[in-house]
Amino acid sequence: MHGERLLDHFQNPRNAGSLEPPAIKVDVSNPACGDMLRLWARFENDRVAAARFQTRGCTASIAASSALTEWMTGKSRAELAAFSPAVIEEALGGLEPASRHAAVLCADGLKKLLAEHPAE
C-alpha cells in the first residue's frame, strides 16, 4: 500500500517533461526492474534553476522522480552531491522495502548528472 504523499506525487507529478539546451540531460535505468529515468537540469550561478523528468516505471519510481525534481530546484552542486536515497523516502513519507529501488534510481540519476557535467 502506497502512502498519501507518494500517491500525490504519482497522480500529480511535479516537473514532468523536458528542458531545452543549455539544460543538461542524463538517462539511468535499473536493470533489475527495468525502470528508466531521464533527468534534466538547468544551472544558473551553480544552482539548479529548473529540473524536469521523464520516467518509465512503477508508481514509486514516477513519484520519486517528481519528488527529486522538487528537491533539486534551488540546490547547489555541493548540495546535490550530498543527496542520499533517504531524501526521497522522507519526501514521499516512506517507501516500502520493495519500492526502495525508486529512491536509488534518483540517486543514480543525480550521480550521473554530476559526473558527466561537472561545474564549469
N, C-alpha and C. Protein backbone atom coordinates (compact mmCIF):
# COMPACT_ATOMS: atom_id res chain seq x y z
N MET A 1 0.84 -1.19 0.00
CA MET A 1 0.00 0.00 0.00
C MET A 1 0.88 1.24 0.00
N HIS A 2 0.63 2.13 -0.92
CA HIS A 2 1.41 3.36 -1.00
C HIS A 2 0.81 4.44 -0.12
N GLY A 3 1.71 5.28 0.42
CA GLY A 3 1.28 6.37 1.28
C GLY A 3 0.66 7.52 0.49
N GLU A 4 0.05 8.43 1.24
CA GLU A 4 -0.66 9.56 0.64
C GLU A 4 0.26 10.49 -0.16
N ARG A 5 1.44 10.81 0.39
CA ARG A 5 2.35 11.72 -0.32
C ARG A 5 2.88 11.08 -1.60
N LEU A 6 3.19 9.79 -1.54
CA LEU A 6 3.67 9.10 -2.73
C LEU A 6 2.58 9.12 -3.81
N LEU A 7 1.37 8.80 -3.43
CA LEU A 7 0.28 8.79 -4.41
C LEU A 7 0.02 10.18 -4.98
N ASP A 8 0.18 11.22 -4.16
CA ASP A 8 0.00 12.59 -4.66
C ASP A 8 1.04 12.91 -5.73
N HIS A 9 2.30 12.55 -5.49
CA HIS A 9 3.35 12.79 -6.49
C HIS A 9 3.11 11.96 -7.75
N PHE A 10 2.57 10.76 -7.60
CA PHE A 10 2.28 9.93 -8.76
C PHE A 10 1.11 10.49 -9.57
N GLN A 11 0.05 10.88 -8.89
CA GLN A 11 -1.14 11.35 -9.57
C GLN A 11 -1.02 12.79 -10.07
N ASN A 12 -0.17 13.58 -9.41
CA ASN A 12 0.03 14.99 -9.76
C ASN A 12 1.54 15.26 -9.85
N PRO A 13 2.22 14.65 -10.80
CA PRO A 13 3.67 14.80 -10.85
C PRO A 13 4.10 16.24 -11.07
N ARG A 14 5.10 16.63 -10.32
CA ARG A 14 5.69 17.96 -10.46
C ARG A 14 6.86 17.86 -11.44
N ASN A 15 6.99 18.83 -12.29
CA ASN A 15 8.15 18.97 -13.18
C ASN A 15 8.30 17.85 -14.20
N ALA A 16 7.21 17.23 -14.59
CA ALA A 16 7.29 16.23 -15.66
C ALA A 16 7.53 16.96 -16.97
N GLY A 17 8.31 16.35 -17.85
CA GLY A 17 8.58 16.95 -19.15
C GLY A 17 10.06 17.03 -19.41
N SER A 18 10.45 17.97 -20.25
CA SER A 18 11.85 18.10 -20.65
C SER A 18 12.25 19.57 -20.63
N LEU A 19 13.54 19.80 -20.76
CA LEU A 19 14.09 21.15 -20.86
C LEU A 19 14.97 21.22 -22.10
N GLU A 20 14.97 22.36 -22.74
CA GLU A 20 15.82 22.60 -23.91
C GLU A 20 17.22 22.98 -23.45
N PRO A 21 18.23 22.75 -24.32
CA PRO A 21 19.57 23.22 -24.01
C PRO A 21 19.54 24.74 -23.75
N PRO A 22 20.32 25.21 -22.81
CA PRO A 22 21.54 24.61 -22.27
C PRO A 22 21.32 23.65 -21.09
N ALA A 23 20.12 23.24 -20.84
CA ALA A 23 19.91 22.25 -19.79
C ALA A 23 20.68 20.98 -20.14
N ILE A 24 21.11 20.27 -19.11
CA ILE A 24 21.82 19.02 -19.31
C ILE A 24 20.87 17.86 -19.05
N LYS A 25 21.14 16.73 -19.70
CA LYS A 25 20.24 15.58 -19.64
C LYS A 25 21.05 14.32 -19.42
N VAL A 26 20.53 13.45 -18.55
CA VAL A 26 21.13 12.12 -18.35
C VAL A 26 20.02 11.08 -18.33
N ASP A 27 20.39 9.86 -18.67
CA ASP A 27 19.49 8.72 -18.62
C ASP A 27 20.10 7.66 -17.71
N VAL A 28 19.28 7.11 -16.83
CA VAL A 28 19.70 5.99 -15.98
C VAL A 28 18.58 4.98 -15.94
N SER A 29 18.96 3.75 -15.64
CA SER A 29 17.94 2.70 -15.53
C SER A 29 18.33 1.73 -14.44
N ASN A 30 17.35 0.98 -14.00
CA ASN A 30 17.55 -0.07 -13.03
C ASN A 30 17.38 -1.38 -13.78
N PRO A 31 18.48 -2.08 -14.06
CA PRO A 31 18.35 -3.30 -14.85
C PRO A 31 17.54 -4.40 -14.16
N ALA A 32 17.45 -4.36 -12.85
CA ALA A 32 16.71 -5.40 -12.12
C ALA A 32 15.20 -5.31 -12.37
N CYS A 33 14.68 -4.06 -12.42
CA CYS A 33 13.23 -3.92 -12.58
C CYS A 33 12.84 -3.27 -13.90
N GLY A 34 13.80 -2.67 -14.61
CA GLY A 34 13.51 -2.07 -15.90
C GLY A 34 13.07 -0.62 -15.85
N ASP A 35 12.99 -0.01 -14.65
CA ASP A 35 12.60 1.39 -14.55
C ASP A 35 13.67 2.27 -15.20
N MET A 36 13.22 3.34 -15.85
CA MET A 36 14.12 4.26 -16.54
C MET A 36 13.80 5.70 -16.15
N LEU A 37 14.85 6.49 -15.90
CA LEU A 37 14.71 7.90 -15.54
C LEU A 37 15.53 8.72 -16.51
N ARG A 38 14.90 9.71 -17.12
CA ARG A 38 15.58 10.74 -17.91
C ARG A 38 15.44 12.01 -17.09
N LEU A 39 16.58 12.60 -16.75
CA LEU A 39 16.62 13.74 -15.83
C LEU A 39 17.30 14.92 -16.51
N TRP A 40 16.65 16.08 -16.45
CA TRP A 40 17.21 17.33 -16.97
C TRP A 40 17.43 18.30 -15.82
N ALA A 41 18.48 19.12 -15.95
CA ALA A 41 18.71 20.21 -15.01
C ALA A 41 19.33 21.39 -15.76
N ARG A 42 18.86 22.56 -15.44
CA ARG A 42 19.46 23.79 -15.96
C ARG A 42 20.05 24.54 -14.78
N PHE A 43 21.34 24.81 -14.86
CA PHE A 43 22.04 25.50 -13.79
C PHE A 43 22.18 26.98 -14.12
N GLU A 44 22.01 27.79 -13.12
CA GLU A 44 22.30 29.23 -13.19
C GLU A 44 23.02 29.59 -11.90
N ASN A 45 24.20 30.20 -12.04
CA ASN A 45 25.00 30.55 -10.87
C ASN A 45 25.24 29.34 -9.97
N ASP A 46 25.54 28.20 -10.59
CA ASP A 46 25.87 26.95 -9.91
C ASP A 46 24.72 26.37 -9.06
N ARG A 47 23.51 26.81 -9.33
CA ARG A 47 22.32 26.26 -8.66
C ARG A 47 21.34 25.77 -9.71
N VAL A 48 20.54 24.77 -9.33
CA VAL A 48 19.54 24.25 -10.25
C VAL A 48 18.41 25.28 -10.37
N ALA A 49 18.28 25.85 -11.56
CA ALA A 49 17.22 26.82 -11.82
C ALA A 49 15.94 26.12 -12.24
N ALA A 50 16.09 24.95 -12.89
CA ALA A 50 14.93 24.18 -13.33
C ALA A 50 15.35 22.71 -13.44
N ALA A 51 14.42 21.83 -13.13
CA ALA A 51 14.65 20.39 -13.25
C ALA A 51 13.38 19.74 -13.80
N ARG A 52 13.57 18.77 -14.68
CA ARG A 52 12.43 18.05 -15.26
C ARG A 52 12.78 16.57 -15.33
N PHE A 53 11.76 15.75 -15.48
CA PHE A 53 11.98 14.32 -15.58
C PHE A 53 10.99 13.66 -16.52
N GLN A 54 11.40 12.53 -17.03
CA GLN A 54 10.52 11.58 -17.71
C GLN A 54 10.90 10.22 -17.16
N THR A 55 9.93 9.51 -16.62
CA THR A 55 10.20 8.21 -16.02
C THR A 55 9.26 7.17 -16.59
N ARG A 56 9.84 6.04 -16.91
CA ARG A 56 9.03 4.88 -17.28
C ARG A 56 9.29 3.84 -16.21
N GLY A 57 8.25 3.51 -15.48
CA GLY A 57 8.43 2.55 -14.41
C GLY A 57 7.21 2.47 -13.52
N CYS A 58 7.44 1.99 -12.34
CA CYS A 58 6.36 1.75 -11.38
C CYS A 58 5.88 3.06 -10.74
N THR A 59 4.82 2.96 -10.00
CA THR A 59 4.24 4.10 -9.28
C THR A 59 5.28 4.79 -8.42
N ALA A 60 6.05 4.01 -7.67
CA ALA A 60 7.05 4.59 -6.77
C ALA A 60 8.14 5.33 -7.54
N SER A 61 8.58 4.81 -8.67
CA SER A 61 9.63 5.49 -9.44
C SER A 61 9.15 6.80 -10.03
N ILE A 62 7.93 6.84 -10.50
CA ILE A 62 7.38 8.09 -11.03
C ILE A 62 7.23 9.12 -9.91
N ALA A 63 6.71 8.70 -8.76
CA ALA A 63 6.56 9.60 -7.62
C ALA A 63 7.92 10.07 -7.12
N ALA A 64 8.89 9.18 -7.06
CA ALA A 64 10.23 9.54 -6.59
C ALA A 64 10.88 10.56 -7.52
N SER A 65 10.69 10.39 -8.82
CA SER A 65 11.26 11.34 -9.79
C SER A 65 10.65 12.72 -9.62
N SER A 66 9.36 12.77 -9.37
CA SER A 66 8.67 14.03 -9.12
C SER A 66 9.25 14.70 -7.87
N ALA A 67 9.38 13.93 -6.80
CA ALA A 67 9.92 14.47 -5.55
C ALA A 67 11.38 14.91 -5.75
N LEU A 68 12.13 14.16 -6.53
CA LEU A 68 13.53 14.52 -6.78
C LEU A 68 13.64 15.89 -7.43
N THR A 69 12.87 16.14 -8.49
CA THR A 69 12.99 17.42 -9.18
C THR A 69 12.54 18.58 -8.30
N GLU A 70 11.56 18.34 -7.46
CA GLU A 70 11.16 19.38 -6.50
C GLU A 70 12.31 19.68 -5.55
N TRP A 71 12.93 18.63 -5.05
CA TRP A 71 14.03 18.80 -4.09
C TRP A 71 15.23 19.49 -4.75
N MET A 72 15.53 19.13 -6.00
CA MET A 72 16.70 19.66 -6.69
C MET A 72 16.65 21.16 -6.92
N THR A 73 15.47 21.68 -7.18
CA THR A 73 15.33 23.08 -7.59
C THR A 73 15.87 24.01 -6.49
N GLY A 74 16.82 24.84 -6.89
CA GLY A 74 17.44 25.80 -5.98
C GLY A 74 18.69 25.28 -5.30
N LYS A 75 18.99 24.00 -5.45
CA LYS A 75 20.14 23.42 -4.78
C LYS A 75 21.43 23.68 -5.56
N SER A 76 22.54 23.77 -4.81
CA SER A 76 23.87 23.91 -5.42
C SER A 76 24.39 22.53 -5.79
N ARG A 77 25.46 22.52 -6.58
CA ARG A 77 26.08 21.24 -6.93
C ARG A 77 26.56 20.51 -5.67
N ALA A 78 27.07 21.23 -4.70
CA ALA A 78 27.53 20.59 -3.46
C ALA A 78 26.36 19.94 -2.73
N GLU A 79 25.22 20.62 -2.71
CA GLU A 79 24.04 20.04 -2.07
C GLU A 79 23.55 18.81 -2.84
N LEU A 80 23.61 18.87 -4.17
CA LEU A 80 23.23 17.71 -4.98
C LEU A 80 24.15 16.53 -4.68
N ALA A 81 25.44 16.81 -4.52
CA ALA A 81 26.41 15.74 -4.27
C ALA A 81 26.17 15.06 -2.93
N ALA A 82 25.54 15.75 -2.00
CA ALA A 82 25.28 15.19 -0.67
C ALA A 82 23.98 14.40 -0.62
N PHE A 83 23.27 14.30 -1.73
CA PHE A 83 21.99 13.60 -1.80
C PHE A 83 22.14 12.14 -1.41
N SER A 84 21.13 11.63 -0.73
CA SER A 84 21.05 10.19 -0.45
C SER A 84 19.61 9.74 -0.70
N PRO A 85 19.40 8.46 -0.97
CA PRO A 85 18.04 7.97 -1.19
C PRO A 85 17.07 8.30 -0.05
N ALA A 86 17.60 8.50 1.15
CA ALA A 86 16.75 8.83 2.30
C ALA A 86 15.98 10.13 2.08
N VAL A 87 16.53 11.05 1.28
CA VAL A 87 15.85 12.31 0.98
C VAL A 87 14.51 12.03 0.30
N ILE A 88 14.52 11.10 -0.65
CA ILE A 88 13.30 10.75 -1.37
C ILE A 88 12.33 10.00 -0.47
N GLU A 89 12.86 9.08 0.32
CA GLU A 89 11.99 8.34 1.23
C GLU A 89 11.26 9.30 2.17
N GLU A 90 11.98 10.30 2.67
CA GLU A 90 11.36 11.28 3.56
C GLU A 90 10.33 12.13 2.81
N ALA A 91 10.68 12.57 1.61
CA ALA A 91 9.77 13.42 0.83
C ALA A 91 8.47 12.69 0.50
N LEU A 92 8.55 11.38 0.34
CA LEU A 92 7.36 10.61 -0.03
C LEU A 92 6.65 10.00 1.17
N GLY A 93 7.14 10.30 2.37
CA GLY A 93 6.51 9.75 3.56
C GLY A 93 6.84 8.29 3.77
N GLY A 94 7.99 7.87 3.24
CA GLY A 94 8.44 6.49 3.38
C GLY A 94 8.20 5.68 2.13
N LEU A 95 9.00 4.64 2.00
CA LEU A 95 8.87 3.70 0.89
C LEU A 95 8.89 2.29 1.46
N GLU A 96 8.06 1.45 0.92
CA GLU A 96 8.08 0.05 1.31
C GLU A 96 9.39 -0.56 0.80
N PRO A 97 9.89 -1.60 1.47
CA PRO A 97 11.16 -2.20 1.03
C PRO A 97 11.18 -2.55 -0.45
N ALA A 98 10.09 -3.05 -0.98
CA ALA A 98 10.06 -3.43 -2.40
C ALA A 98 10.10 -2.23 -3.33
N SER A 99 9.90 -1.02 -2.81
CA SER A 99 9.89 0.19 -3.64
C SER A 99 11.12 1.06 -3.44
N ARG A 100 12.04 0.66 -2.59
CA ARG A 100 13.21 1.50 -2.30
C ARG A 100 14.11 1.68 -3.52
N HIS A 101 13.98 0.78 -4.50
CA HIS A 101 14.76 0.94 -5.73
C HIS A 101 14.46 2.27 -6.41
N ALA A 102 13.28 2.83 -6.18
CA ALA A 102 12.90 4.11 -6.80
C ALA A 102 13.79 5.24 -6.31
N ALA A 103 14.09 5.26 -5.01
CA ALA A 103 14.97 6.28 -4.45
C ALA A 103 16.41 6.08 -4.94
N VAL A 104 16.82 4.84 -5.11
CA VAL A 104 18.16 4.54 -5.62
C VAL A 104 18.29 5.00 -7.08
N LEU A 105 17.24 4.83 -7.87
CA LEU A 105 17.24 5.31 -9.25
C LEU A 105 17.47 6.82 -9.28
N CYS A 106 16.84 7.55 -8.38
CA CYS A 106 17.04 9.00 -8.30
C CYS A 106 18.49 9.33 -7.94
N ALA A 107 19.04 8.61 -6.98
CA ALA A 107 20.44 8.83 -6.59
C ALA A 107 21.37 8.55 -7.76
N ASP A 108 21.10 7.49 -8.51
CA ASP A 108 21.91 7.17 -9.68
C ASP A 108 21.85 8.28 -10.72
N GLY A 109 20.64 8.85 -10.91
CA GLY A 109 20.48 9.95 -11.86
C GLY A 109 21.29 11.17 -11.47
N LEU A 110 21.22 11.53 -10.21
CA LEU A 110 21.98 12.70 -9.74
C LEU A 110 23.48 12.46 -9.83
N LYS A 111 23.92 11.27 -9.46
CA LYS A 111 25.35 10.94 -9.51
C LYS A 111 25.85 11.05 -10.95
N LYS A 112 25.08 10.53 -11.90
CA LYS A 112 25.49 10.60 -13.31
C LYS A 112 25.48 12.03 -13.82
N LEU A 113 24.48 12.81 -13.42
CA LEU A 113 24.40 14.21 -13.82
C LEU A 113 25.64 14.97 -13.38
N LEU A 114 26.05 14.77 -12.14
CA LEU A 114 27.22 15.48 -11.61
C LEU A 114 28.51 14.96 -12.21
N ALA A 115 28.60 13.66 -12.48
CA ALA A 115 29.83 13.08 -13.04
C ALA A 115 30.04 13.50 -14.50
N GLU A 116 28.95 13.52 -15.26
CA GLU A 116 29.08 13.84 -16.69
C GLU A 116 29.10 15.33 -16.97
N HIS A 117 28.63 16.11 -16.03
CA HIS A 117 28.54 17.56 -16.24
C HIS A 117 29.04 18.30 -15.02
N PRO A 118 30.36 18.25 -14.79
CA PRO A 118 30.92 18.96 -13.63
C PRO A 118 30.79 20.47 -13.79
N ALA A 119 30.97 21.17 -12.72
CA ALA A 119 30.87 22.64 -12.74
C ALA A 119 31.85 23.19 -13.76
N GLU A 120 31.47 24.28 -14.36
CA GLU A 120 32.32 24.90 -15.39
C GLU A 120 33.15 25.99 -14.80
